[in-house]
Amino acid sequence: MYRGLVASGGIFAIFAVFLIVLDLYVPLGVSVFGLPIAIVGAVMFAAGFLRAEPSPPTPHPGKKFCWYCMVQIPENSVECSNCGLHQHDLRV
């Protein structure tokens, strides 16, 4: 189960229902957008149950990700060679 896709689809669907219900009380014409958003939300919600959770990215051996720009840099780097910012390692 891909939890992020399920949550995003649910939020889309809830927002679509909100637009449709809002249009019943205040005729703004927003329900025209509500149905396509509801369909997209339902498809995303269903696809989240069918798709596996993606694996987190892992750096190549001897490398780490920059905390800011996510470029792979040597593991012992204090500053990123791409963005030049100081790296905050969580070593105790």
Protein backbone atom coordinates (compact mmCIF):
# COMPACT_ATOMS: atom_id res chain seq x y z
CA MET A 1 0.00 0.00 0.00
CA TYR A 2 1.32 3.43 -1.00
CA ARG A 3 0.19 5.54 1.97
CA GLY A 4 1.04 8.90 0.39
CA LEU A 5 -1.09 8.17 -2.67
CA VAL A 6 -3.99 6.94 -0.54
CA ALA A 7 -3.86 10.08 1.63
CA SER A 8 -3.58 12.41 -1.38
CA GLY A 9 -6.48 10.70 -3.12
CA GLY A 10 -8.60 10.96 0.01
CA ILE A 11 -7.84 14.67 0.34
CA PHE A 12 -8.74 15.23 -3.33
CA ALA A 13 -12.02 13.37 -2.87
CA ILE A 14 -12.94 15.29 0.30
CA PHE A 15 -12.14 18.59 -1.44
CA ALA A 16 -14.34 17.57 -4.39
CA VAL A 17 -17.25 16.73 -2.10
CA PHE A 18 -16.75 20.10 -0.42
CA LEU A 19 -16.96 21.87 -3.79
CA ILE A 20 -20.09 19.97 -4.81
CA VAL A 21 -21.83 20.58 -1.48
CA LEU A 22 -20.79 24.24 -1.51
CA ASP A 23 -22.36 24.65 -4.95
CA LEU A 24 -25.67 23.31 -3.61
CA TYR A 25 -25.90 26.15 -1.10
CA VAL A 26 -24.04 28.94 -2.90
CA PRO A 27 -24.42 28.62 -6.68
CA LEU A 28 -20.94 29.59 -7.86
CA GLY A 29 -20.57 27.00 -10.60
CA VAL A 30 -17.69 25.28 -8.82
CA SER A 31 -19.35 21.86 -9.02
CA VAL A 32 -18.14 21.76 -12.63
CA PHE A 33 -14.67 21.23 -11.14
CA GLY A 34 -15.93 18.98 -8.34
CA LEU A 35 -16.73 15.93 -10.45
CA PRO A 36 -13.34 15.70 -12.25
CA ILE A 37 -11.52 16.25 -8.96
CA ALA A 38 -13.64 13.52 -7.34
CA ILE A 39 -12.78 11.12 -10.16
CA VAL A 40 -9.07 11.89 -9.88
CA GLY A 41 -9.23 11.49 -6.10
CA ALA A 42 -10.99 8.13 -6.38
CA VAL A 43 -8.46 6.86 -8.94
CA MET A 44 -5.55 8.00 -6.77
CA PHE A 45 -7.12 6.45 -3.67
CA ALA A 46 -7.64 3.10 -5.43
CA ALA A 47 -4.19 3.14 -7.04
CA GLY A 48 -2.65 3.69 -3.62
CA PHE A 49 -3.93 0.30 -2.51
CA LEU A 50 -2.69 -1.42 -5.67
CA ARG A 51 0.78 0.10 -5.79
CA ALA A 52 3.62 -0.77 -3.43
CA GLU A 53 5.32 1.85 -1.28
CA PRO A 54 8.43 3.11 -3.13
CA SER A 55 11.76 2.38 -1.52
CA PRO A 56 13.63 5.37 -0.10
CA PRO A 57 16.57 6.62 -2.16
CA THR A 58 19.96 5.36 -1.04
CA PRO A 59 23.29 6.95 -1.94
CA HIS A 60 26.06 5.04 -3.68
CA PRO A 61 28.70 3.41 -1.43
CA GLY A 62 31.02 6.01 0.09
CA LYS A 63 28.57 8.85 -0.63
CA LYS A 64 25.83 10.69 1.25
CA PHE A 65 23.10 13.11 0.26
CA CYS A 66 23.51 16.83 0.84
CA TRP A 67 21.02 18.01 3.45
CA TYR A 68 19.90 20.90 1.27
CA CYS A 69 20.19 20.11 -2.46
CA MET A 70 20.13 16.27 -2.24
CA VAL A 71 23.18 15.87 -4.50
CA GLN A 72 25.41 12.89 -3.72
CA ILE A 73 28.66 14.03 -2.14
CA PRO A 74 31.58 12.13 -0.54
CA GLU A 75 30.70 10.73 2.88
CA ASN A 76 33.39 12.72 4.73
CA SER A 77 32.46 16.11 3.19
CA VAL A 78 31.85 18.98 5.59
CA GLU A 79 30.45 21.25 2.85
CA CYS A 80 28.49 20.39 -0.28
CA SER A 81 30.43 20.85 -3.50
CA ASN A 82 27.21 21.78 -5.31
CA CYS A 83 25.52 24.33 -3.01
CA GLY A 84 28.43 25.10 -0.65
CA LEU A 85 26.39 24.70 2.54
CA HIS A 86 27.67 23.11 5.75
CA GLN A 87 26.47 19.55 6.37
CA HIS A 88 24.85 18.71 9.70
CA ASP A 89 25.64 15.07 10.37
CA LEU A 90 23.81 13.33 13.18
CA ARG A 91 26.83 11.44 14.48
CA VAL A 92 27.08 11.07 18.23
